[in-house]
Amino acid sequence: MPSVPVNLQEKFARFSEPWSPRVIAEMNDYQFKLVRLLGEFVWHQHADTDEVFIVIEGEMVLRFRDREVPLRAGELYVVPKGVEHQPFAPAECKVMLVEPKGVINTGDAGGSLTAQNDVWI
């Protein structure tokens, strides 16, 4: 068991690349990941799992084919499994993701924004 709490701002200070989630903790088979969002991400879905977005700092929009969900600091949203979505942040936004180990950030879309899994900071 760790002897010190995880400081989110200290962890965010360790990386600057957008769309590159970093693992900060695990609970059972779930990972807590920090990610910087900037601009448009790819449209994608996760067929087998829900995905939680918790905005730590800034603002973002979760785009769906039929609507948009704006999120600000202190808010969270659960994207249900199998629902196609596109995260968007007009300016840098700091987010915590909660998802099962092994989830690929681009889901079924793949492509150049696919990040390496299990990168701890």
C-alpha atoms as a PDB file:
ATOM      1  CA  MET A   1       0.000   0.000   0.000  1.00  0.00           C
ATOM      2  CA  PRO A   2       1.415   3.420  -0.962  1.00  0.00           C
ATOM      3  CA  SER A   3       2.464   5.631   1.930  1.00  0.00           C
ATOM      4  CA  VAL A   4       1.576   8.934   0.259  1.00  0.00           C
ATOM      5  CA  PRO A   5      -1.507  10.187  -1.602  1.00  0.00           C
ATOM      6  CA  VAL A   6      -1.449  10.756  -5.356  1.00  0.00           C
ATOM      7  CA  ASN A   7      -1.203  14.467  -6.147  1.00  0.00           C
ATOM      8  CA  LEU A   8      -2.970  15.092  -9.451  1.00  0.00           C
ATOM      9  CA  GLN A   9      -1.274  18.416 -10.223  1.00  0.00           C
ATOM     10  CA  GLU A  10       2.165  16.941  -9.560  1.00  0.00           C
ATOM     11  CA  LYS A  11       1.368  14.049 -11.890  1.00  0.00           C
ATOM     12  CA  PHE A  12       0.073  16.377 -14.621  1.00  0.00           C
ATOM     13  CA  ALA A  13       3.339  18.341 -14.367  1.00  0.00           C
ATOM     14  CA  ARG A  14       5.264  15.217 -15.457  1.00  0.00           C
ATOM     15  CA  PHE A  15       3.927  15.131 -19.016  1.00  0.00           C
ATOM     16  CA  SER A  16       2.707  17.599 -21.623  1.00  0.00           C
ATOM     17  CA  GLU A  17       1.644  15.532 -24.647  1.00  0.00           C
ATOM     18  CA  PRO A  18      -2.086  15.668 -25.451  1.00  0.00           C
ATOM     19  CA  TRP A  19      -4.074  12.455 -25.955  1.00  0.00           C
ATOM     20  CA  SER A  20      -1.470  10.324 -24.131  1.00  0.00           C
ATOM     21  CA  PRO A  21      -3.093   8.836 -21.001  1.00  0.00           C
ATOM     22  CA  ARG A  22      -0.831   8.121 -18.022  1.00  0.00           C
ATOM     23  CA  VAL A  23      -1.752   5.643 -15.295  1.00  0.00           C
ATOM     24  CA  ILE A  24      -1.637   6.992 -11.744  1.00  0.00           C
ATOM     25  CA  ALA A  25      -3.415   4.239  -9.788  1.00  0.00           C
ATOM     26  CA  GLU A  26      -5.195   0.905 -10.041  1.00  0.00           C
ATOM     27  CA  MET A  27      -8.188  -0.501  -8.201  1.00  0.00           C
ATOM     28  CA  ASN A  28      -9.129  -4.116  -8.836  1.00  0.00           C
ATOM     29  CA  ASP A  29      -8.994  -4.377 -12.645  1.00  0.00           C
ATOM     30  CA  TYR A  30      -9.537  -0.632 -13.214  1.00  0.00           C
ATOM     31  CA  GLN A  31      -7.009   2.063 -13.940  1.00  0.00           C
ATOM     32  CA  PHE A  32      -7.130   5.757 -13.106  1.00  0.00           C
ATOM     33  CA  LYS A  33      -5.476   7.692 -15.933  1.00  0.00           C
ATOM     34  CA  LEU A  34      -4.644  11.352 -16.406  1.00  0.00           C
ATOM     35  CA  VAL A  35      -4.775  12.820 -19.890  1.00  0.00           C
ATOM     36  CA  ARG A  36      -4.420  16.249 -21.442  1.00  0.00           C
ATOM     37  CA  LEU A  37      -6.983  16.963 -24.151  1.00  0.00           C
ATOM     38  CA  LEU A  38      -6.454  19.526 -26.884  1.00  0.00           C
ATOM     39  CA  GLY A  39      -8.406  19.793 -30.126  1.00  0.00           C
ATOM     40  CA  GLU A  40     -10.373  16.964 -31.707  1.00  0.00           C
ATOM     41  CA  PHE A  41      -9.881  13.287 -30.967  1.00  0.00           C
ATOM     42  CA  VAL A  42     -11.021  10.465 -33.248  1.00  0.00           C
ATOM     43  CA  TRP A  43     -14.573   9.148 -33.344  1.00  0.00           C
ATOM     44  CA  HIS A  44     -14.485   5.784 -31.588  1.00  0.00           C
ATOM     45  CA  GLN A  45     -16.268   3.404 -29.255  1.00  0.00           C
ATOM     46  CA  HIS A  46     -15.377   0.809 -26.655  1.00  0.00           C
ATOM     47  CA  ALA A  47     -17.523  -2.254 -27.338  1.00  0.00           C
ATOM     48  CA  ASP A  48     -16.947  -3.956 -23.987  1.00  0.00           C
ATOM     49  CA  THR A  49     -16.709  -1.199 -21.386  1.00  0.00           C
ATOM     50  CA  ASP A  50     -18.088   2.104 -20.186  1.00  0.00           C
ATOM     51  CA  GLU A  51     -15.628   5.008 -19.956  1.00  0.00           C
ATOM     52  CA  VAL A  52     -15.622   7.714 -17.279  1.00  0.00           C
ATOM     53  CA  PHE A  53     -14.393  11.260 -17.986  1.00  0.00           C
ATOM     54  CA  ILE A  54     -13.742  13.443 -14.906  1.00  0.00           C
ATOM     55  CA  VAL A  55     -12.714  17.013 -15.739  1.00  0.00           C
ATOM     56  CA  ILE A  56     -10.021  18.248 -13.356  1.00  0.00           C
ATOM     57  CA  GLU A  57      -9.235  21.559 -15.057  1.00  0.00           C
ATOM     58  CA  GLY A  58     -10.611  23.319 -18.133  1.00  0.00           C
ATOM     59  CA  GLU A  59     -13.561  22.493 -20.363  1.00  0.00           C
ATOM     60  CA  MET A  60     -14.314  19.829 -22.933  1.00  0.00           C
ATOM     61  CA  VAL A  61     -17.154  18.494 -25.029  1.00  0.00           C
ATOM     62  CA  LEU A  62     -18.128  14.883 -25.556  1.00  0.00           C
ATOM     63  CA  ARG A  63     -19.595  14.715 -29.021  1.00  0.00           C
ATOM     64  CA  PHE A  64     -22.093  12.034 -29.917  1.00  0.00           C
ATOM     65  CA  ARG A  65     -23.714  11.512 -33.316  1.00  0.00           C
ATOM     66  CA  ASP A  66     -26.986  13.015 -32.040  1.00  0.00           C
ATOM     67  CA  ARG A  67     -25.880  15.510 -29.367  1.00  0.00           C
ATOM     68  CA  GLU A  68     -23.027  17.147 -27.459  1.00  0.00           C
ATOM     69  CA  VAL A  69     -22.334  17.037 -23.711  1.00  0.00           C
ATOM     70  CA  PRO A  70     -20.237  19.968 -22.409  1.00  0.00           C
ATOM     71  CA  LEU A  71     -18.170  19.293 -19.282  1.00  0.00           C
ATOM     72  CA  ARG A  72     -16.396  21.725 -16.968  1.00  0.00           C
ATOM     73  CA  ALA A  73     -13.979  21.291 -14.060  1.00  0.00           C
ATOM     74  CA  GLY A  74     -15.600  19.299 -11.287  1.00  0.00           C
ATOM     75  CA  GLU A  75     -17.966  17.414 -13.608  1.00  0.00           C
ATOM     76  CA  LEU A  76     -17.950  13.831 -14.844  1.00  0.00           C
ATOM     77  CA  TYR A  77     -19.732  11.843 -17.503  1.00  0.00           C
ATOM     78  CA  VAL A  78     -19.993   8.109 -18.159  1.00  0.00           C
ATOM     79  CA  VAL A  79     -19.961   7.100 -21.828  1.00  0.00           C
ATOM     80  CA  PRO A  80     -21.811   3.773 -22.054  1.00  0.00           C
ATOM     81  CA  LYS A  81     -20.094   0.860 -23.760  1.00  0.00           C
ATOM     82  CA  GLY A  82     -20.677   0.632 -27.482  1.00  0.00           C
ATOM     83  CA  VAL A  83     -21.587   4.326 -27.864  1.00  0.00           C
ATOM     84  CA  GLU A  84     -19.571   6.171 -30.489  1.00  0.00           C
ATOM     85  CA  HIS A  85     -18.096   9.414 -29.185  1.00  0.00           C
ATOM     86  CA  GLN A  86     -15.486  12.065 -29.909  1.00  0.00           C
ATOM     87  CA  PRO A  87     -13.802  14.054 -27.124  1.00  0.00           C
ATOM     88  CA  PHE A  88     -13.044  17.679 -28.036  1.00  0.00           C
ATOM     89  CA  ALA A  89     -11.318  20.464 -26.113  1.00  0.00           C
ATOM     90  CA  PRO A  90     -10.918  23.923 -27.712  1.00  0.00           C
ATOM     91  CA  ALA A  91      -8.152  24.717 -25.188  1.00  0.00           C
ATOM     92  CA  GLU A  92      -6.115  22.344 -23.049  1.00  0.00           C
ATOM     93  CA  CYS A  93      -8.260  20.386 -20.619  1.00  0.00           C
ATOM     94  CA  LYS A  94      -6.988  18.071 -17.867  1.00  0.00           C
ATOM     95  CA  VAL A  95      -9.058  14.927 -17.414  1.00  0.00           C
ATOM     96  CA  MET A  96      -9.029  11.758 -15.338  1.00  0.00           C
ATOM     97  CA  LEU A  97     -10.252   8.610 -17.071  1.00  0.00           C
ATOM     98  CA  VAL A  98     -11.448   5.536 -15.194  1.00  0.00           C
ATOM     99  CA  GLU A  99     -11.532   2.355 -17.247  1.00  0.00           C
ATOM    100  CA  PRO A 100     -10.522  -1.305 -17.122  1.00  0.00           C
ATOM    101  CA  LYS A 101      -6.878  -2.229 -17.631  1.00  0.00           C
ATOM    102  CA  GLY A 102      -5.986  -2.787 -21.261  1.00  0.00           C
ATOM    103  CA  VAL A 103      -8.479  -0.350 -22.811  1.00  0.00           C
ATOM    104  CA  ILE A 104      -7.017   1.284 -25.921  1.00  0.00           C
ATOM    105  CA  ASN A 105      -7.633   5.037 -26.002  1.00  0.00           C
ATOM    106  CA  THR A 106      -8.821   5.042 -29.631  1.00  0.00           C
ATOM    107  CA  GLY A 107     -11.133   2.061 -29.104  1.00  0.00           C
ATOM    108  CA  ASP A 108     -12.166   0.513 -32.408  1.00  0.00           C
ATOM    109  CA  ALA A 109     -10.759   3.384 -34.514  1.00  0.00           C
ATOM    110  CA  GLY A 110      -6.995   2.892 -34.153  1.00  0.00           C
ATOM    111  CA  GLY A 111      -4.785   5.371 -35.968  1.00  0.00           C
ATOM    112  CA  SER A 112      -1.995   7.804 -35.180  1.00  0.00           C
ATOM    113  CA  LEU A 113      -3.500   8.958 -31.861  1.00  0.00           C
ATOM    114  CA  THR A 114      -3.412   5.440 -30.376  1.00  0.00           C
ATOM    115  CA  ALA A 115      -1.353   5.707 -27.204  1.00  0.00           C
ATOM    116  CA  GLN A 116       0.789   3.064 -25.565  1.00  0.00           C
ATOM    117  CA  ASN A 117      -1.049   1.302 -22.740  1.00  0.00           C
ATOM    118  CA  ASP A 118       0.074   1.020 -19.114  1.00  0.00           C
ATOM    119  CA  VAL A 119       2.394   4.036 -19.067  1.00  0.00           C
ATOM    120  CA  TRP A 120       2.738   4.963 -15.381  1.00  0.00           C
ATOM    121  CA  ILE A 121       3.812   8.308 -13.965  1.00  0.00           C
END
